[in-house]
Amino acid sequence: MDDNAIIELFFARSEQAIRLLDEKYGEACHRLSYHILHSRQDAEECVNDAYLAAWNAIPPARPNPLPAFLCKIVRNLSLTRYHRDRAAKRGGGSYTVALEELEGCLASSHTVEADMEEQELIRLIEDFLDLLSPENRVLFMRRYWFSDSCGEIAERTGLSEKNVSVRLTRLRKQLQHYFKERGVI
């Protein structure tokens, strides 16, 4: 079933919309949440909460594209849970590793927060991504948005794990240089 039909089911307040959403995008949502949380149970809860959030947002929202809308909800809920759990136990995980890799691109997160509003930083990152080749953009997004490991990215793209790692290192350096040129750091 296409996304517009699913959205129409949301507008009709049909519970079938949730079932179809889960059938079509459930696996991607679970994988995204699991990569952040490293707990199948917590990921399941976040995805279910995302479905409820979508139910409450549609209508009046008419998301286009639907998968990006849903993944953003799942990611935000998973990050909220991750930060809550991390504050409670001070644990780690691949999401922590992915964030630590990007920290080197910024002098400090406090400096960016003090000098720029969040929307400006988002715009700069989007502009940076526009400069990348489609393949490098996929590598960057898979690592830093979806929190995929280098091995998972290699498997998905057909590159070697070493090649993925080297390219991500170069992309972080490019991002750092891009930020320096724009006076962010």
N, C-alpha and C. Protein backbone atom coordinates (compact mmCIF):
# COMPACT_ATOMS: atom_id res chain seq x y z
N MET A 1 0.85 -1.17 0.00
CA MET A 1 0.00 0.00 0.00
C MET A 1 0.90 1.24 0.00
N ASP A 2 0.52 2.24 -0.76
CA ASP A 2 1.36 3.43 -0.83
C ASP A 2 1.12 4.34 0.39
N ASP A 3 2.06 5.24 0.60
CA ASP A 3 2.04 6.09 1.79
C ASP A 3 0.81 6.99 1.87
N ASN A 4 0.36 7.50 0.74
CA ASN A 4 -0.83 8.36 0.76
C ASN A 4 -2.06 7.61 1.25
N ALA A 5 -2.17 6.34 0.87
CA ALA A 5 -3.30 5.54 1.33
C ALA A 5 -3.22 5.31 2.84
N ILE A 6 -2.01 5.11 3.35
CA ILE A 6 -1.83 4.93 4.79
C ILE A 6 -2.22 6.21 5.52
N ILE A 7 -1.79 7.34 4.98
CA ILE A 7 -2.14 8.63 5.60
C ILE A 7 -3.65 8.84 5.58
N GLU A 8 -4.29 8.46 4.51
CA GLU A 8 -5.76 8.58 4.45
C GLU A 8 -6.42 7.72 5.52
N LEU A 9 -5.85 6.55 5.80
CA LEU A 9 -6.38 5.71 6.87
C LEU A 9 -6.21 6.38 8.23
N PHE A 10 -5.11 7.10 8.42
CA PHE A 10 -4.93 7.89 9.64
C PHE A 10 -6.03 8.94 9.74
N PHE A 11 -6.28 9.62 8.65
CA PHE A 11 -7.32 10.66 8.65
C PHE A 11 -8.70 10.07 8.92
N ALA A 12 -8.90 8.83 8.49
CA ALA A 12 -10.18 8.15 8.75
C ALA A 12 -10.20 7.54 10.15
N ARG A 13 -9.08 7.68 10.89
CA ARG A 13 -8.93 7.14 12.25
C ARG A 13 -9.10 5.62 12.27
N SER A 14 -8.60 4.97 11.23
CA SER A 14 -8.63 3.52 11.14
C SER A 14 -7.37 2.94 11.76
N GLU A 15 -7.54 1.98 12.68
CA GLU A 15 -6.39 1.34 13.32
C GLU A 15 -5.55 0.55 12.32
N GLN A 16 -6.12 0.27 11.17
CA GLN A 16 -5.37 -0.42 10.13
C GLN A 16 -4.16 0.41 9.68
N ALA A 17 -4.23 1.72 9.86
CA ALA A 17 -3.11 2.59 9.48
C ALA A 17 -1.85 2.19 10.26
N ILE A 18 -2.00 1.92 11.54
CA ILE A 18 -0.85 1.53 12.37
C ILE A 18 -0.31 0.19 11.91
N ARG A 19 -1.20 -0.77 11.64
CA ARG A 19 -0.75 -2.09 11.19
C ARG A 19 0.02 -1.99 9.88
N LEU A 20 -0.51 -1.20 8.94
CA LEU A 20 0.17 -1.05 7.65
C LEU A 20 1.49 -0.30 7.80
N LEU A 21 1.51 0.70 8.67
CA LEU A 21 2.74 1.44 8.94
C LEU A 21 3.80 0.49 9.49
N ASP A 22 3.40 -0.37 10.41
CA ASP A 22 4.33 -1.33 10.99
C ASP A 22 4.81 -2.33 9.95
N GLU A 23 3.91 -2.81 9.10
CA GLU A 23 4.30 -3.77 8.06
C GLU A 23 5.31 -3.15 7.10
N LYS A 24 5.08 -1.89 6.75
CA LYS A 24 5.92 -1.25 5.73
C LYS A 24 7.23 -0.71 6.31
N TYR A 25 7.19 -0.11 7.49
CA TYR A 25 8.36 0.58 8.03
C TYR A 25 8.82 0.07 9.39
N GLY A 26 8.15 -0.93 9.93
CA GLY A 26 8.48 -1.42 11.26
C GLY A 26 9.91 -1.90 11.40
N GLU A 27 10.40 -2.65 10.44
CA GLU A 27 11.75 -3.19 10.52
C GLU A 27 12.79 -2.06 10.56
N ALA A 28 12.63 -1.07 9.70
CA ALA A 28 13.57 0.05 9.68
C ALA A 28 13.51 0.83 11.00
N CYS A 29 12.32 1.02 11.52
CA CYS A 29 12.16 1.75 12.79
C CYS A 29 12.80 1.00 13.94
N HIS A 30 12.58 -0.31 14.00
CA HIS A 30 13.17 -1.12 15.07
C HIS A 30 14.69 -1.10 14.97
N ARG A 31 15.21 -1.22 13.76
CA ARG A 31 16.66 -1.23 13.57
C ARG A 31 17.26 0.12 14.01
N LEU A 32 16.62 1.21 13.61
CA LEU A 32 17.09 2.54 14.00
C LEU A 32 17.12 2.69 15.52
N SER A 33 16.05 2.34 16.16
CA SER A 33 15.97 2.46 17.61
C SER A 33 16.96 1.53 18.30
N TYR A 34 17.10 0.32 17.81
CA TYR A 34 18.03 -0.64 18.40
C TYR A 34 19.47 -0.15 18.30
N HIS A 35 19.82 0.48 17.19
CA HIS A 35 21.19 0.97 17.02
C HIS A 35 21.52 2.06 18.03
N ILE A 36 20.54 2.75 18.51
CA ILE A 36 20.76 3.79 19.52
C ILE A 36 20.73 3.18 20.92
N LEU A 37 19.78 2.29 21.17
CA LEU A 37 19.52 1.81 22.53
C LEU A 37 20.20 0.48 22.87
N HIS A 38 20.47 -0.35 21.90
CA HIS A 38 21.05 -1.69 22.12
C HIS A 38 20.21 -2.53 23.07
N SER A 39 18.92 -2.38 22.96
CA SER A 39 17.99 -3.18 23.73
C SER A 39 16.74 -3.40 22.88
N ARG A 40 16.45 -4.65 22.58
CA ARG A 40 15.28 -4.93 21.74
C ARG A 40 14.00 -4.49 22.44
N GLN A 41 13.92 -4.69 23.73
CA GLN A 41 12.71 -4.31 24.48
C GLN A 41 12.52 -2.80 24.47
N ASP A 42 13.60 -2.05 24.72
CA ASP A 42 13.50 -0.59 24.71
C ASP A 42 13.18 -0.09 23.30
N ALA A 43 13.78 -0.71 22.29
CA ALA A 43 13.51 -0.32 20.91
C ALA A 43 12.04 -0.56 20.58
N GLU A 44 11.53 -1.70 21.01
CA GLU A 44 10.11 -2.01 20.76
C GLU A 44 9.21 -0.95 21.39
N GLU A 45 9.52 -0.56 22.61
CA GLU A 45 8.72 0.47 23.29
C GLU A 45 8.79 1.80 22.56
N CYS A 46 9.97 2.18 22.11
CA CYS A 46 10.12 3.45 21.40
C CYS A 46 9.35 3.43 20.07
N VAL A 47 9.41 2.32 19.37
CA VAL A 47 8.68 2.23 18.10
C VAL A 47 7.17 2.29 18.36
N ASN A 48 6.71 1.59 19.37
CA ASN A 48 5.28 1.67 19.70
C ASN A 48 4.88 3.08 20.10
N ASP A 49 5.74 3.76 20.86
CA ASP A 49 5.47 5.15 21.22
C ASP A 49 5.45 6.04 19.97
N ALA A 50 6.31 5.71 19.01
CA ALA A 50 6.34 6.48 17.76
C ALA A 50 5.04 6.30 16.98
N TYR A 51 4.52 5.08 16.98
CA TYR A 51 3.24 4.86 16.30
C TYR A 51 2.13 5.68 16.96
N LEU A 52 2.15 5.72 18.28
CA LEU A 52 1.16 6.54 19.00
C LEU A 52 1.35 8.02 18.66
N ALA A 53 2.60 8.47 18.60
CA ALA A 53 2.87 9.87 18.25
C ALA A 53 2.39 10.17 16.83
N ALA A 54 2.60 9.24 15.93
CA ALA A 54 2.11 9.44 14.56
C ALA A 54 0.59 9.49 14.55
N TRP A 55 -0.04 8.63 15.31
CA TRP A 55 -1.50 8.61 15.42
C TRP A 55 -2.01 9.97 15.91
N ASN A 56 -1.31 10.54 16.89
CA ASN A 56 -1.73 11.82 17.45
C ASN A 56 -1.41 13.00 16.53
N ALA A 57 -0.41 12.84 15.66
CA ALA A 57 0.01 13.95 14.78
C ALA A 57 -0.73 13.96 13.45
N ILE A 58 -1.18 12.79 13.03
CA ILE A 58 -1.89 12.67 11.74
C ILE A 58 -3.34 12.34 12.02
N PRO A 59 -4.33 13.11 11.71
CA PRO A 59 -4.25 14.50 11.30
C PRO A 59 -3.90 15.40 12.47
N PRO A 60 -3.58 16.63 12.29
CA PRO A 60 -3.70 17.43 11.08
C PRO A 60 -2.51 17.32 10.14
N ALA A 61 -1.38 16.81 10.63
CA ALA A 61 -0.20 16.72 9.76
C ALA A 61 -0.47 15.76 8.61
N ARG A 62 0.14 16.06 7.50
CA ARG A 62 0.10 15.20 6.32
C ARG A 62 1.55 15.04 5.87
N PRO A 63 2.31 14.17 6.58
CA PRO A 63 3.75 14.09 6.35
C PRO A 63 4.11 13.62 4.95
N ASN A 64 5.10 14.28 4.40
CA ASN A 64 5.62 13.89 3.10
C ASN A 64 7.11 14.15 3.08
N PRO A 65 7.94 13.16 3.12
CA PRO A 65 7.66 11.73 3.01
C PRO A 65 7.37 11.10 4.38
N LEU A 66 6.50 10.14 4.36
CA LEU A 66 6.07 9.45 5.58
C LEU A 66 7.21 8.73 6.29
N PRO A 67 8.10 8.00 5.59
CA PRO A 67 9.16 7.30 6.33
C PRO A 67 10.10 8.25 7.07
N ALA A 68 10.40 9.39 6.49
CA ALA A 68 11.28 10.36 7.17
C ALA A 68 10.59 10.90 8.42
N PHE A 69 9.31 11.18 8.32
CA PHE A 69 8.52 11.66 9.46
C PHE A 69 8.55 10.63 10.59
N LEU A 70 8.31 9.37 10.24
CA LEU A 70 8.27 8.31 11.23
C LEU A 70 9.65 8.05 11.83
N CYS A 71 10.67 8.02 10.99
CA CYS A 71 12.04 7.77 11.50
C CYS A 71 12.49 8.90 12.42
N LYS A 72 12.09 10.12 12.13
CA LYS A 72 12.47 11.24 13.00
C LYS A 72 11.82 11.07 14.38
N ILE A 73 10.58 10.64 14.40
CA ILE A 73 9.90 10.41 15.68
C ILE A 73 10.61 9.30 16.44
N VAL A 74 10.89 8.19 15.76
CA VAL A 74 11.56 7.04 16.40
C VAL A 74 12.93 7.46 16.93
N ARG A 75 13.67 8.19 16.12
CA ARG A 75 15.02 8.61 16.52
C ARG A 75 14.94 9.53 17.74
N ASN A 76 14.05 10.50 17.72
CA ASN A 76 13.94 11.43 18.84
C ASN A 76 13.52 10.72 20.12
N LEU A 77 12.57 9.80 20.03
CA LEU A 77 12.15 9.05 21.21
C LEU A 77 13.29 8.16 21.72
N SER A 78 14.01 7.55 20.80
CA SER A 78 15.13 6.68 21.19
C SER A 78 16.25 7.48 21.83
N LEU A 79 16.54 8.65 21.28
CA LEU A 79 17.57 9.51 21.87
C LEU A 79 17.17 9.99 23.26
N THR A 80 15.91 10.33 23.42
CA THR A 80 15.43 10.76 24.74
C THR A 80 15.63 9.64 25.75
N ARG A 81 15.25 8.45 25.34
CA ARG A 81 15.41 7.29 26.25
C ARG A 81 16.90 7.00 26.49
N TYR A 82 17.69 7.08 25.44
CA TYR A 82 19.13 6.84 25.57
C TYR A 82 19.74 7.80 26.59
N HIS A 83 19.44 9.09 26.45
CA HIS A 83 20.01 10.07 27.37
C HIS A 83 19.50 9.86 28.79
N ARG A 84 18.24 9.51 28.93
CA ARG A 84 17.70 9.22 30.26
C ARG A 84 18.40 8.02 30.88
N ASP A 85 18.54 6.95 30.10
CA ASP A 85 19.20 5.75 30.60
C ASP A 85 20.68 5.99 30.87
N ARG A 86 21.31 6.76 30.00
CA ARG A 86 22.73 7.04 30.17
C ARG A 86 22.97 7.87 31.43
N ALA A 87 22.09 8.81 31.70
CA ALA A 87 22.21 9.61 32.91
C ALA A 87 22.06 8.72 34.14
N ALA A 88 21.21 7.70 34.01
CA ALA A 88 20.97 6.80 35.14
C ALA A 88 22.14 5.85 35.36
N LYS A 89 22.74 5.33 34.28
CA LYS A 89 23.78 4.33 34.47
C LYS A 89 25.14 4.71 33.92
N ARG A 90 25.22 5.79 33.19
CA ARG A 90 26.48 6.22 32.58
C ARG A 90 27.07 5.11 31.72
N GLY A 91 26.21 4.50 30.90
CA GLY A 91 26.64 3.42 30.03
C GLY A 91 27.15 3.93 28.70
N GLY A 92 27.49 3.01 27.80
CA GLY A 92 28.01 3.38 26.49
C GLY A 92 27.19 2.75 25.40
N GLY A 93 27.75 2.63 24.23
CA GLY A 93 27.08 2.02 23.11
C GLY A 93 27.57 2.64 21.81
N SER A 94 27.11 2.09 20.69
CA SER A 94 27.59 2.59 19.40
C SER A 94 27.14 4.00 19.14
N TYR A 95 25.99 4.41 19.70
CA TYR A 95 25.57 5.79 19.52
C TYR A 95 26.56 6.72 20.19
N THR A 96 27.03 6.35 21.37
CA THR A 96 28.03 7.15 22.06
C THR A 96 29.30 7.23 21.23
N VAL A 97 29.71 6.12 20.64
CA VAL A 97 30.91 6.10 19.81
C VAL A 97 30.72 7.01 18.60
N ALA A 98 29.57 6.94 17.95
CA ALA A 98 29.30 7.78 16.78
C ALA A 98 29.35 9.25 17.16
N LEU A 99 28.78 9.62 18.29
CA LEU A 99 28.81 11.02 18.72
C LEU A 99 30.23 11.45 19.08
N GLU A 100 30.98 10.56 19.72
CA GLU A 100 32.36 10.90 20.07
C GLU A 100 33.20 11.14 18.82
N GLU A 101 32.92 10.41 17.74
CA GLU A 101 33.65 10.61 16.49
C GLU A 101 33.40 12.02 15.95
N LEU A 102 32.17 12.52 16.07
CA LEU A 102 31.84 13.84 15.56
C LEU A 102 32.30 14.96 16.48
N GLU A 103 32.50 14.68 17.76
CA GLU A 103 32.92 15.71 18.70
C GLU A 103 34.20 16.40 18.26
N GLY A 104 35.08 15.66 17.60
CA GLY A 104 36.33 16.24 17.15
C GLY A 104 36.14 17.32 16.10
N CYS A 105 34.99 17.35 15.45
CA CYS A 105 34.72 18.36 14.43
C CYS A 105 34.35 19.70 15.04
N LEU A 106 34.00 19.71 16.30
CA LEU A 106 33.59 20.92 16.99
C LEU A 106 34.53 21.19 18.14
N ALA A 107 34.83 22.43 18.37
CA ALA A 107 35.71 22.77 19.48
C ALA A 107 35.11 22.28 20.78
N SER A 108 33.85 22.59 21.00
CA SER A 108 33.10 22.04 22.11
C SER A 108 31.63 22.29 21.82
N SER A 109 30.77 21.42 22.29
CA SER A 109 29.35 21.61 22.02
C SER A 109 28.85 22.88 22.69
N HIS A 110 29.46 23.26 23.81
CA HIS A 110 29.05 24.49 24.49
C HIS A 110 29.32 25.71 23.62
N THR A 111 30.47 25.73 22.92
CA THR A 111 30.81 26.85 22.06
C THR A 111 29.79 26.99 20.94
N VAL A 112 29.42 25.88 20.31
CA VAL A 112 28.45 25.93 19.23
C VAL A 112 27.11 26.42 19.77
N GLU A 113 26.70 25.89 20.91
CA GLU A 113 25.42 26.31 21.49
C GLU A 113 25.45 27.79 21.85
N ALA A 114 26.60 28.28 22.32
CA ALA A 114 26.70 29.68 22.71
C ALA A 114 26.72 30.59 21.49
N ASP A 115 27.38 30.17 20.41
CA ASP A 115 27.57 31.04 19.24
C ASP A 115 26.50 30.91 18.17
N MET A 116 25.83 29.79 18.11
CA MET A 116 24.86 29.56 17.04
C MET A 116 23.61 28.91 17.59
N GLU A 117 22.51 29.23 17.00
CA GLU A 117 21.29 28.53 17.36
C GLU A 117 21.27 27.18 16.68
N GLU A 118 20.50 26.29 17.24
CA GLU A 118 20.44 24.92 16.73
C GLU A 118 20.04 24.88 15.25
N GLN A 119 19.13 25.71 14.84
CA GLN A 119 18.68 25.70 13.45
C GLN A 119 19.79 26.09 12.48
N GLU A 120 20.64 26.98 12.88
CA GLU A 120 21.77 27.38 12.03
C GLU A 120 22.74 26.22 11.87
N LEU A 121 23.00 25.49 12.93
CA LEU A 121 23.88 24.34 12.86
C LEU A 121 23.27 23.27 11.94
N ILE A 122 21.99 23.05 12.06
CA ILE A 122 21.31 22.09 11.20
C ILE A 122 21.45 22.51 9.74
N ARG A 123 21.25 23.80 9.47
CA ARG A 123 21.37 24.30 8.10
C ARG A 123 22.79 24.07 7.56
N LEU A 124 23.79 24.33 8.38
CA LEU A 124 25.17 24.13 7.96
C LEU A 124 25.46 22.66 7.64
N ILE A 125 24.96 21.78 8.48
CA ILE A 125 25.18 20.35 8.22
C ILE A 125 24.45 19.93 6.94
N GLU A 126 23.24 20.42 6.74
CA GLU A 126 22.51 20.10 5.51
C GLU A 126 23.26 20.63 4.29
N ASP A 127 23.80 21.84 4.39
CA ASP A 127 24.58 22.40 3.28
C ASP A 127 25.84 21.57 3.03
N PHE A 128 26.49 21.11 4.11
CA PHE A 128 27.66 20.25 3.98
C PHE A 128 27.28 18.95 3.26
N LEU A 129 26.17 18.36 3.67
CA LEU A 129 25.74 17.11 3.04
C LEU A 129 25.44 17.31 1.56
N ASP A 130 24.93 18.47 1.18
CA ASP A 130 24.65 18.76 -0.22
C ASP A 130 25.93 18.77 -1.07
N LEU A 131 27.07 19.06 -0.44
CA LEU A 131 28.34 19.11 -1.15
C LEU A 131 28.93 17.72 -1.39
N LEU A 132 28.46 16.73 -0.65
CA LEU A 132 29.02 15.38 -0.74
C LEU A 132 28.45 14.61 -1.92
N SER A 133 29.22 13.64 -2.37
CA SER A 133 28.71 12.72 -3.39
C SER A 133 27.58 11.90 -2.75
N PRO A 134 26.68 11.38 -3.56
CA PRO A 134 25.60 10.56 -2.98
C PRO A 134 26.13 9.40 -2.13
N GLU A 135 27.21 8.77 -2.55
CA GLU A 135 27.76 7.65 -1.78
C GLU A 135 28.28 8.11 -0.43
N ASN A 136 29.01 9.22 -0.40
CA ASN A 136 29.53 9.74 0.87
C ASN A 136 28.41 10.24 1.77
N ARG A 137 27.37 10.80 1.17
CA ARG A 137 26.21 11.25 1.95
C ARG A 137 25.55 10.05 2.63
N VAL A 138 25.44 8.94 1.92
CA VAL A 138 24.87 7.73 2.50
C VAL A 138 25.73 7.24 3.66
N LEU A 139 27.05 7.22 3.47
CA LEU A 139 27.94 6.79 4.55
C LEU A 139 27.75 7.67 5.78
N PHE A 140 27.75 8.97 5.59
CA PHE A 140 27.61 9.91 6.69
C PHE A 140 26.28 9.71 7.41
N MET A 141 25.20 9.63 6.66
CA MET A 141 23.86 9.50 7.26
C MET A 141 23.70 8.15 7.96
N ARG A 142 24.21 7.08 7.34
CA ARG A 142 24.08 5.76 7.97
C ARG A 142 24.82 5.74 9.30
N ARG A 143 25.97 6.41 9.37
CA ARG A 143 26.75 6.39 10.62
C ARG A 143 26.19 7.36 11.65
N TYR A 144 25.92 8.57 11.25
CA TYR A 144 25.61 9.61 12.23
C TYR A 144 24.13 9.93 12.38
N TRP A 145 23.29 9.41 11.53
CA TRP A 145 21.85 9.56 11.74
C TRP A 145 21.27 8.23 12.22
N PHE A 146 21.60 7.15 11.50
CA PHE A 146 21.05 5.85 11.84
C PHE A 146 21.92 5.07 12.82
N SER A 147 23.12 5.56 13.13
CA SER A 147 24.05 4.93 14.08
C SER A 147 24.46 3.52 13.66
N ASP A 148 24.54 3.27 12.36
CA ASP A 148 25.01 1.97 11.89
C ASP A 148 26.50 1.83 12.21
N SER A 149 26.93 0.62 12.47
CA SER A 149 28.36 0.36 12.66
C SER A 149 29.04 0.38 11.29
N CYS A 150 30.37 0.47 11.29
CA CYS A 150 31.10 0.45 10.03
C CYS A 150 30.86 -0.88 9.29
N GLY A 151 30.77 -1.97 10.04
CA GLY A 151 30.50 -3.27 9.43
C GLY A 151 29.14 -3.31 8.75
N GLU A 152 28.14 -2.74 9.40
CA GLU A 152 26.80 -2.72 8.81
C GLU A 152 26.77 -1.84 7.56
N ILE A 153 27.46 -0.72 7.62
CA ILE A 153 27.52 0.17 6.45
C ILE A 153 28.24 -0.54 5.31
N ALA A 154 29.33 -1.23 5.62
CA ALA A 154 30.08 -1.97 4.60
C ALA A 154 29.20 -3.01 3.94
N GLU A 155 28.46 -3.73 4.74
CA GLU A 155 27.57 -4.75 4.20
C GLU A 155 26.50 -4.13 3.31
N ARG A 156 25.96 -3.00 3.73
CA ARG A 156 24.89 -2.33 3.00
C ARG A 156 25.39 -1.73 1.68
N THR A 157 26.64 -1.22 1.68
CA THR A 157 27.14 -0.49 0.51
C THR A 157 28.05 -1.31 -0.39
N GLY A 158 28.51 -2.48 0.10
CA GLY A 158 29.42 -3.29 -0.70
C GLY A 158 30.87 -2.84 -0.59
N LEU A 159 31.15 -1.90 0.29
CA LEU A 159 32.53 -1.46 0.53
C LEU A 159 33.14 -2.32 1.63
N SER A 160 34.46 -2.26 1.74
CA SER A 160 35.09 -2.97 2.86
C SER A 160 34.89 -2.14 4.12
N GLU A 161 34.95 -2.80 5.26
CA GLU A 161 34.80 -2.10 6.54
C GLU A 161 35.91 -1.08 6.72
N LYS A 162 37.11 -1.42 6.31
CA LYS A 162 38.25 -0.50 6.41
C LYS A 162 38.01 0.73 5.54
N ASN A 163 37.50 0.52 4.33
CA ASN A 163 37.22 1.63 3.43
C ASN A 163 36.16 2.56 4.03
N VAL A 164 35.14 1.98 4.62
CA VAL A 164 34.09 2.78 5.27
C VAL A 164 34.71 3.61 6.39
N SER A 165 35.53 2.98 7.21
CA SER A 165 36.15 3.67 8.34
C SER A 165 37.03 4.83 7.87
N VAL A 166 37.84 4.59 6.85
CA VAL A 166 38.72 5.63 6.32
C VAL A 166 37.90 6.77 5.73
N ARG A 167 36.86 6.44 4.99
CA ARG A 167 36.04 7.49 4.37
C ARG A 167 35.31 8.30 5.42
N LEU A 168 34.84 7.66 6.47
CA LEU A 168 34.18 8.41 7.55
C LEU A 168 35.17 9.35 8.24
N THR A 169 36.40 8.89 8.42
CA THR A 169 37.43 9.75 9.01
C THR A 169 37.64 10.97 8.12
N ARG A 170 37.74 10.77 6.83
CA ARG A 170 37.92 11.89 5.89
C ARG A 170 36.71 12.82 5.90
N LEU A 171 35.52 12.25 5.98
CA LEU A 171 34.31 13.07 6.02
C LEU A 171 34.27 13.93 7.28
N ARG A 172 34.68 13.38 8.40
CA ARG A 172 34.73 14.17 9.64
C ARG A 172 35.74 15.31 9.50
N LYS A 173 36.87 15.05 8.88
CA LYS A 173 37.87 16.10 8.66
C LYS A 173 37.31 17.18 7.73
N GLN A 174 36.60 16.75 6.69
CA GLN A 174 35.97 17.72 5.78
C GLN A 174 34.94 18.56 6.51
N LEU A 175 34.16 17.92 7.36
CA LEU A 175 33.16 18.65 8.13
C LEU A 175 33.83 19.65 9.06
N GLN A 176 34.90 19.23 9.70
CA GLN A 176 35.62 20.13 10.60
C GLN A 176 36.17 21.32 9.82
N HIS A 177 36.75 21.07 8.65
CA HIS A 177 37.27 22.15 7.81
C HIS A 177 36.11 23.06 7.36
N TYR A 178 35.01 22.47 6.99
CA TYR A 178 33.82 23.23 6.57
C TYR A 178 33.36 24.15 7.70
N PHE A 179 33.32 23.63 8.92
CA PHE A 179 32.92 24.44 10.07
C PHE A 179 33.93 25.56 10.34
N LYS A 180 35.23 25.26 10.21
CA LYS A 180 36.26 26.28 10.42
C LYS A 180 36.11 27.41 9.43
N GLU A 181 35.87 27.06 8.15
CA GLU A 181 35.71 28.08 7.12
C GLU A 181 34.54 29.02 7.42
N ARG A 182 33.54 28.50 8.09
CA ARG A 182 32.33 29.29 8.38
C ARG A 182 32.36 29.91 9.76
N GLY A 183 33.49 29.78 10.44
CA GLY A 183 33.66 30.42 11.74
C GLY A 183 32.90 29.77 12.88
N VAL A 184 32.50 28.51 12.70
CA VAL A 184 31.79 27.81 13.76
C VAL A 184 32.76 27.38 14.85
N ILE A 185 33.95 26.95 14.44
CA ILE A 185 34.97 26.55 15.42
C ILE A 185 36.24 27.33 15.19
